[in-house]
Amino acid sequence: MKKLSILFIVFVTFISVNSQTKVGDATLPNTVKFNEEKLIINGAGIREKFFFDIYAGALYLKKKNTSASTIAKADETMAIKLHILSGMMSRDKMASALREGFKKSTNGNLKPYNKRIEKFIGFINNEIEVDQIYDIVYEKGKGSIIYKDGVEKGYVTGLDFKEALFNIWIGSKPADKGLKKEMLGN
């Protein structure tokens, strides 16, 4: 009976360890659920700046895909998870990075997005701390939602906004080319 109990514990430990992905100092789940839809990790990596790990990022989709443009244009539930790893990431730096990311992802054509960009950035209204987790989720029929530590902070409508938002990480001018490659599973 004792051997059976030990085998059961080893089995449960093995299953729980294999349901997560270790990325730097972060442990990210292999599956998440938003809008009652199960998403699987497509790929994950580290956003680095000046040799510092800023955050672990992961892309979650309904099924794996390596085509950035197909992913960005898809009108289906998907998510990007950001696990903050450095105190160097502040609210102001995140806001600045998002504005710069939108500028790049829209090739400078910000006019149709400006009000929604500022609304979205406004949902990050508290200082960012190490080990906080931000989920940027697109839910079909609702829009682009931001969650902080599992709590919805707000959302912005529009598939066009979602495409520009996701292209910050996976577009032709991504925030971090290495992270893009890892998120796409390459």
C-alpha atoms as a PDB file:
ATOM      1  CA  MET A   1       0.000   0.000   0.000  1.00  0.00           C
ATOM      2  CA  LYS A   2       2.885   2.350   0.815  1.00  0.00           C
ATOM      3  CA  LYS A   3       4.451   1.740  -2.638  1.00  0.00           C
ATOM      4  CA  LEU A   4       1.109   2.515  -4.304  1.00  0.00           C
ATOM      5  CA  SER A   5       0.844   5.812  -2.382  1.00  0.00           C
ATOM      6  CA  ILE A   6       4.377   6.798  -3.393  1.00  0.00           C
ATOM      7  CA  LEU A   7       3.667   5.944  -7.049  1.00  0.00           C
ATOM      8  CA  PHE A   8       0.489   8.040  -6.929  1.00  0.00           C
ATOM      9  CA  ILE A   9       2.379  11.048  -5.500  1.00  0.00           C
ATOM     10  CA  VAL A  10       5.118  10.708  -8.132  1.00  0.00           C
ATOM     11  CA  PHE A  11       2.472  10.475 -10.880  1.00  0.00           C
ATOM     12  CA  VAL A  12       0.579  13.560  -9.653  1.00  0.00           C
ATOM     13  CA  THR A  13       3.827  15.511  -9.308  1.00  0.00           C
ATOM     14  CA  PHE A  14       4.891  14.487 -12.821  1.00  0.00           C
ATOM     15  CA  ILE A  15       1.541  15.563 -14.288  1.00  0.00           C
ATOM     16  CA  SER A  16       1.545  18.945 -12.506  1.00  0.00           C
ATOM     17  CA  VAL A  17       5.162  19.681 -13.449  1.00  0.00           C
ATOM     18  CA  ASN A  18       4.492  18.834 -17.094  1.00  0.00           C
ATOM     19  CA  SER A  19       1.452  21.156 -17.198  1.00  0.00           C
ATOM     20  CA  GLN A  20       3.715  24.185 -16.819  1.00  0.00           C
ATOM     21  CA  THR A  21       6.527  25.798 -18.748  1.00  0.00           C
ATOM     22  CA  LYS A  22       9.548  27.285 -16.986  1.00  0.00           C
ATOM     23  CA  VAL A  23      10.734  30.526 -18.609  1.00  0.00           C
ATOM     24  CA  GLY A  24      13.569  32.231 -16.762  1.00  0.00           C
ATOM     25  CA  ASP A  25      12.371  32.765 -13.208  1.00  0.00           C
ATOM     26  CA  ALA A  26       8.717  32.422 -14.216  1.00  0.00           C
ATOM     27  CA  THR A  27       6.549  29.333 -14.368  1.00  0.00           C
ATOM     28  CA  LEU A  28       3.766  29.675 -16.924  1.00  0.00           C
ATOM     29  CA  PRO A  29       0.791  27.337 -17.355  1.00  0.00           C
ATOM     30  CA  ASN A  30       0.592  25.269 -20.516  1.00  0.00           C
ATOM     31  CA  THR A  31      -3.139  25.923 -20.732  1.00  0.00           C
ATOM     32  CA  VAL A  32      -5.373  28.821 -19.721  1.00  0.00           C
ATOM     33  CA  LYS A  33      -9.098  29.414 -19.968  1.00  0.00           C
ATOM     34  CA  PHE A  34     -10.794  32.643 -21.021  1.00  0.00           C
ATOM     35  CA  ASN A  35     -14.397  33.115 -22.124  1.00  0.00           C
ATOM     36  CA  GLU A  36     -14.913  29.415 -21.343  1.00  0.00           C
ATOM     37  CA  GLU A  37     -12.407  28.580 -24.083  1.00  0.00           C
ATOM     38  CA  LYS A  38      -9.310  26.517 -23.376  1.00  0.00           C
ATOM     39  CA  LEU A  39      -6.125  27.925 -24.894  1.00  0.00           C
ATOM     40  CA  ILE A  40      -2.771  26.175 -25.185  1.00  0.00           C
ATOM     41  CA  ILE A  41       0.661  27.706 -24.997  1.00  0.00           C
ATOM     42  CA  ASN A  42       1.994  28.376 -28.481  1.00  0.00           C
ATOM     43  CA  GLY A  43       5.391  29.524 -27.287  1.00  0.00           C
ATOM     44  CA  ALA A  44       7.085  31.505 -24.524  1.00  0.00           C
ATOM     45  CA  GLY A  45      10.235  33.479 -23.921  1.00  0.00           C
ATOM     46  CA  ILE A  46      11.872  36.374 -22.132  1.00  0.00           C
ATOM     47  CA  ARG A  47      11.711  40.097 -22.949  1.00  0.00           C
ATOM     48  CA  GLU A  48      15.211  41.355 -22.307  1.00  0.00           C
ATOM     49  CA  LYS A  49      16.594  44.855 -22.236  1.00  0.00           C
ATOM     50  CA  PHE A  50      20.259  45.635 -21.614  1.00  0.00           C
ATOM     51  CA  PHE A  51      20.853  42.037 -20.446  1.00  0.00           C
ATOM     52  CA  PHE A  52      18.063  42.265 -17.838  1.00  0.00           C
ATOM     53  CA  ASP A  53      15.062  39.935 -17.885  1.00  0.00           C
ATOM     54  CA  ILE A  54      12.068  42.313 -17.877  1.00  0.00           C
ATOM     55  CA  TYR A  55       9.214  39.797 -18.199  1.00  0.00           C
ATOM     56  CA  ALA A  56       8.385  36.296 -19.332  1.00  0.00           C
ATOM     57  CA  GLY A  57       5.866  36.343 -22.147  1.00  0.00           C
ATOM     58  CA  ALA A  58       3.724  33.594 -23.625  1.00  0.00           C
ATOM     59  CA  LEU A  59       1.238  33.401 -26.469  1.00  0.00           C
ATOM     60  CA  TYR A  60      -1.858  31.214 -26.001  1.00  0.00           C
ATOM     61  CA  LEU A  61      -4.045  30.039 -28.885  1.00  0.00           C
ATOM     62  CA  LYS A  62      -6.819  27.510 -29.524  1.00  0.00           C
ATOM     63  CA  LYS A  63      -4.342  25.497 -31.587  1.00  0.00           C
ATOM     64  CA  LYS A  64      -0.655  26.001 -32.334  1.00  0.00           C
ATOM     65  CA  ASN A  65       0.239  28.305 -35.201  1.00  0.00           C
ATOM     66  CA  THR A  66       3.524  29.808 -36.435  1.00  0.00           C
ATOM     67  CA  SER A  67       2.048  32.458 -38.775  1.00  0.00           C
ATOM     68  CA  ALA A  68       2.170  35.850 -37.061  1.00  0.00           C
ATOM     69  CA  SER A  69      -0.145  37.529 -39.576  1.00  0.00           C
ATOM     70  CA  THR A  70      -2.732  34.737 -39.370  1.00  0.00           C
ATOM     71  CA  ILE A  71      -2.696  34.919 -35.568  1.00  0.00           C
ATOM     72  CA  ALA A  72      -2.938  38.718 -35.431  1.00  0.00           C
ATOM     73  CA  LYS A  73      -5.855  38.827 -37.909  1.00  0.00           C
ATOM     74  CA  ALA A  74      -7.803  35.912 -36.392  1.00  0.00           C
ATOM     75  CA  ASP A  75     -11.162  36.772 -34.851  1.00  0.00           C
ATOM     76  CA  GLU A  76     -10.918  34.172 -32.095  1.00  0.00           C
ATOM     77  CA  THR A  77     -10.053  34.086 -28.426  1.00  0.00           C
ATOM     78  CA  MET A  78      -6.314  34.231 -27.713  1.00  0.00           C
ATOM     79  CA  ALA A  79      -4.021  35.647 -25.043  1.00  0.00           C
ATOM     80  CA  ILE A  80      -0.585  36.995 -24.244  1.00  0.00           C
ATOM     81  CA  LYS A  81       0.606  36.454 -20.679  1.00  0.00           C
ATOM     82  CA  LEU A  82       3.256  38.750 -19.194  1.00  0.00           C
ATOM     83  CA  HIS A  83       4.887  37.663 -15.918  1.00  0.00           C
ATOM     84  CA  ILE A  84       6.868  40.639 -14.587  1.00  0.00           C
ATOM     85  CA  LEU A  85      10.423  39.650 -13.599  1.00  0.00           C
ATOM     86  CA  SER A  86      12.120  42.995 -12.981  1.00  0.00           C
ATOM     87  CA  GLY A  87      11.543  46.049 -10.845  1.00  0.00           C
ATOM     88  CA  MET A  88      12.789  47.999 -13.863  1.00  0.00           C
ATOM     89  CA  MET A  89       9.286  47.663 -15.358  1.00  0.00           C
ATOM     90  CA  SER A  90       7.129  50.497 -14.050  1.00  0.00           C
ATOM     91  CA  ARG A  91       3.666  51.700 -14.981  1.00  0.00           C
ATOM     92  CA  ASP A  92       5.174  54.629 -16.908  1.00  0.00           C
ATOM     93  CA  LYS A  93       7.640  52.380 -18.752  1.00  0.00           C
ATOM     94  CA  MET A  94       4.851  49.956 -19.676  1.00  0.00           C
ATOM     95  CA  ALA A  95       2.691  52.833 -20.950  1.00  0.00           C
ATOM     96  CA  SER A  96       5.606  54.191 -22.989  1.00  0.00           C
ATOM     97  CA  ALA A  97       6.429  50.735 -24.379  1.00  0.00           C
ATOM     98  CA  LEU A  98       2.794  50.172 -25.398  1.00  0.00           C
ATOM     99  CA  ARG A  99       2.590  53.557 -27.148  1.00  0.00           C
ATOM    100  CA  GLU A 100       5.853  52.850 -28.998  1.00  0.00           C
ATOM    101  CA  GLY A 101       4.652  49.323 -29.813  1.00  0.00           C
ATOM    102  CA  PHE A 102       1.390  50.623 -31.298  1.00  0.00           C
ATOM    103  CA  LYS A 103       3.330  53.200 -33.326  1.00  0.00           C
ATOM    104  CA  LYS A 104       5.469  50.417 -34.804  1.00  0.00           C
ATOM    105  CA  SER A 105       2.642  47.919 -35.276  1.00  0.00           C
ATOM    106  CA  THR A 106       0.507  50.463 -37.166  1.00  0.00           C
ATOM    107  CA  ASN A 107       3.398  51.939 -39.187  1.00  0.00           C
ATOM    108  CA  GLY A 108       2.727  55.276 -37.500  1.00  0.00           C
ATOM    109  CA  ASN A 109      -0.973  55.345 -38.447  1.00  0.00           C
ATOM    110  CA  LEU A 110      -2.181  55.973 -34.886  1.00  0.00           C
ATOM    111  CA  LYS A 111      -5.167  58.239 -35.618  1.00  0.00           C
ATOM    112  CA  PRO A 112      -7.801  55.451 -35.733  1.00  0.00           C
ATOM    113  CA  TYR A 113      -6.419  53.968 -32.490  1.00  0.00           C
ATOM    114  CA  ASN A 114      -5.378  56.887 -30.248  1.00  0.00           C
ATOM    115  CA  LYS A 115      -8.466  57.047 -28.007  1.00  0.00           C
ATOM    116  CA  ARG A 116      -8.546  53.256 -27.610  1.00  0.00           C
ATOM    117  CA  ILE A 117      -4.789  53.082 -26.929  1.00  0.00           C
ATOM    118  CA  GLU A 118      -5.102  55.634 -24.117  1.00  0.00           C
ATOM    119  CA  LYS A 119      -8.167  53.851 -22.737  1.00  0.00           C
ATOM    120  CA  PHE A 120      -6.300  50.527 -22.745  1.00  0.00           C
ATOM    121  CA  ILE A 121      -3.190  52.016 -21.122  1.00  0.00           C
ATOM    122  CA  GLY A 122      -5.450  53.646 -18.519  1.00  0.00           C
ATOM    123  CA  PHE A 123      -6.385  50.180 -17.237  1.00  0.00           C
ATOM    124  CA  ILE A 124      -2.806  49.827 -15.980  1.00  0.00           C
ATOM    125  CA  ASN A 125      -3.531  52.316 -13.220  1.00  0.00           C
ATOM    126  CA  ASN A 126      -1.347  51.003 -10.400  1.00  0.00           C
ATOM    127  CA  GLU A 127       2.399  50.650 -10.153  1.00  0.00           C
ATOM    128  CA  ILE A 128       3.772  47.424 -11.630  1.00  0.00           C
ATOM    129  CA  GLU A 129       5.568  45.049  -9.282  1.00  0.00           C
ATOM    130  CA  VAL A 130       7.740  41.959  -9.670  1.00  0.00           C
ATOM    131  CA  ASP A 131       5.722  38.718  -9.989  1.00  0.00           C
ATOM    132  CA  GLN A 132       2.550  40.444 -11.132  1.00  0.00           C
ATOM    133  CA  ILE A 133       0.893  38.783 -14.089  1.00  0.00           C
ATOM    134  CA  TYR A 134      -0.849  40.649 -16.877  1.00  0.00           C
ATOM    135  CA  ASP A 135      -3.029  38.785 -19.335  1.00  0.00           C
ATOM    136  CA  ILE A 136      -3.837  40.571 -22.568  1.00  0.00           C
ATOM    137  CA  VAL A 137      -6.763  38.641 -23.966  1.00  0.00           C
ATOM    138  CA  TYR A 138      -8.812  39.007 -27.106  1.00  0.00           C
ATOM    139  CA  GLU A 139     -12.287  37.560 -26.676  1.00  0.00           C
ATOM    140  CA  LYS A 140     -14.339  37.224 -29.840  1.00  0.00           C
ATOM    141  CA  GLY A 141     -17.440  39.366 -29.481  1.00  0.00           C
ATOM    142  CA  LYS A 142     -16.037  41.488 -26.643  1.00  0.00           C
ATOM    143  CA  GLY A 143     -12.622  42.900 -27.492  1.00  0.00           C
ATOM    144  CA  SER A 144      -9.128  43.225 -26.052  1.00  0.00           C
ATOM    145  CA  ILE A 145      -9.184  42.781 -22.295  1.00  0.00           C
ATOM    146  CA  ILE A 146      -6.438  43.337 -19.768  1.00  0.00           C
ATOM    147  CA  TYR A 147      -6.294  41.293 -16.579  1.00  0.00           C
ATOM    148  CA  LYS A 148      -3.951  41.985 -13.680  1.00  0.00           C
ATOM    149  CA  ASP A 149      -3.349  38.974 -11.444  1.00  0.00           C
ATOM    150  CA  GLY A 150      -6.554  37.374 -12.731  1.00  0.00           C
ATOM    151  CA  VAL A 151      -8.794  40.436 -12.227  1.00  0.00           C
ATOM    152  CA  GLU A 152     -10.288  42.107 -15.291  1.00  0.00           C
ATOM    153  CA  LYS A 153      -9.281  45.777 -15.444  1.00  0.00           C
ATOM    154  CA  GLY A 154     -11.179  46.724 -18.608  1.00  0.00           C
ATOM    155  CA  TYR A 155     -11.444  46.191 -22.346  1.00  0.00           C
ATOM    156  CA  VAL A 156     -11.350  47.931 -25.712  1.00  0.00           C
ATOM    157  CA  THR A 157     -13.451  46.900 -28.710  1.00  0.00           C
ATOM    158  CA  GLY A 158     -12.396  46.282 -32.292  1.00  0.00           C
ATOM    159  CA  LEU A 159     -10.661  43.516 -34.215  1.00  0.00           C
ATOM    160  CA  ASP A 160      -8.433  46.199 -35.766  1.00  0.00           C
ATOM    161  CA  PHE A 161      -7.266  47.227 -32.280  1.00  0.00           C
ATOM    162  CA  LYS A 162      -6.564  43.593 -31.377  1.00  0.00           C
ATOM    163  CA  GLU A 163      -4.484  43.134 -34.518  1.00  0.00           C
ATOM    164  CA  ALA A 164      -2.387  46.218 -33.704  1.00  0.00           C
ATOM    165  CA  LEU A 165      -2.083  45.140 -30.052  1.00  0.00           C
ATOM    166  CA  PHE A 166      -0.913  41.577 -30.759  1.00  0.00           C
ATOM    167  CA  ASN A 167       1.447  42.857 -33.447  1.00  0.00           C
ATOM    168  CA  ILE A 168       3.369  44.686 -30.718  1.00  0.00           C
ATOM    169  CA  TRP A 169       4.772  41.236 -29.853  1.00  0.00           C
ATOM    170  CA  ILE A 170       4.423  39.214 -33.069  1.00  0.00           C
ATOM    171  CA  GLY A 171       4.297  41.794 -35.877  1.00  0.00           C
ATOM    172  CA  SER A 172       6.949  42.777 -38.392  1.00  0.00           C
ATOM    173  CA  LYS A 173       8.451  45.328 -35.960  1.00  0.00           C
ATOM    174  CA  PRO A 174       8.112  43.500 -32.621  1.00  0.00           C
ATOM    175  CA  ALA A 175       9.200  44.797 -29.228  1.00  0.00           C
ATOM    176  CA  ASP A 176      11.726  41.931 -29.048  1.00  0.00           C
ATOM    177  CA  LYS A 177      12.617  39.756 -32.061  1.00  0.00           C
ATOM    178  CA  GLY A 178      13.788  36.858 -29.897  1.00  0.00           C
ATOM    179  CA  LEU A 179      10.579  36.871 -27.864  1.00  0.00           C
ATOM    180  CA  LYS A 180       8.519  36.979 -31.079  1.00  0.00           C
ATOM    181  CA  LYS A 181      10.339  33.937 -32.398  1.00  0.00           C
ATOM    182  CA  GLU A 182       9.781  32.060 -29.120  1.00  0.00           C
ATOM    183  CA  MET A 183       6.089  33.033 -28.875  1.00  0.00           C
ATOM    184  CA  LEU A 184       5.565  31.709 -32.398  1.00  0.00           C
ATOM    185  CA  GLY A 185       7.134  28.405 -31.360  1.00  0.00           C
ATOM    186  CA  ASN A 186      10.169  28.763 -33.624  1.00  0.00           C
END
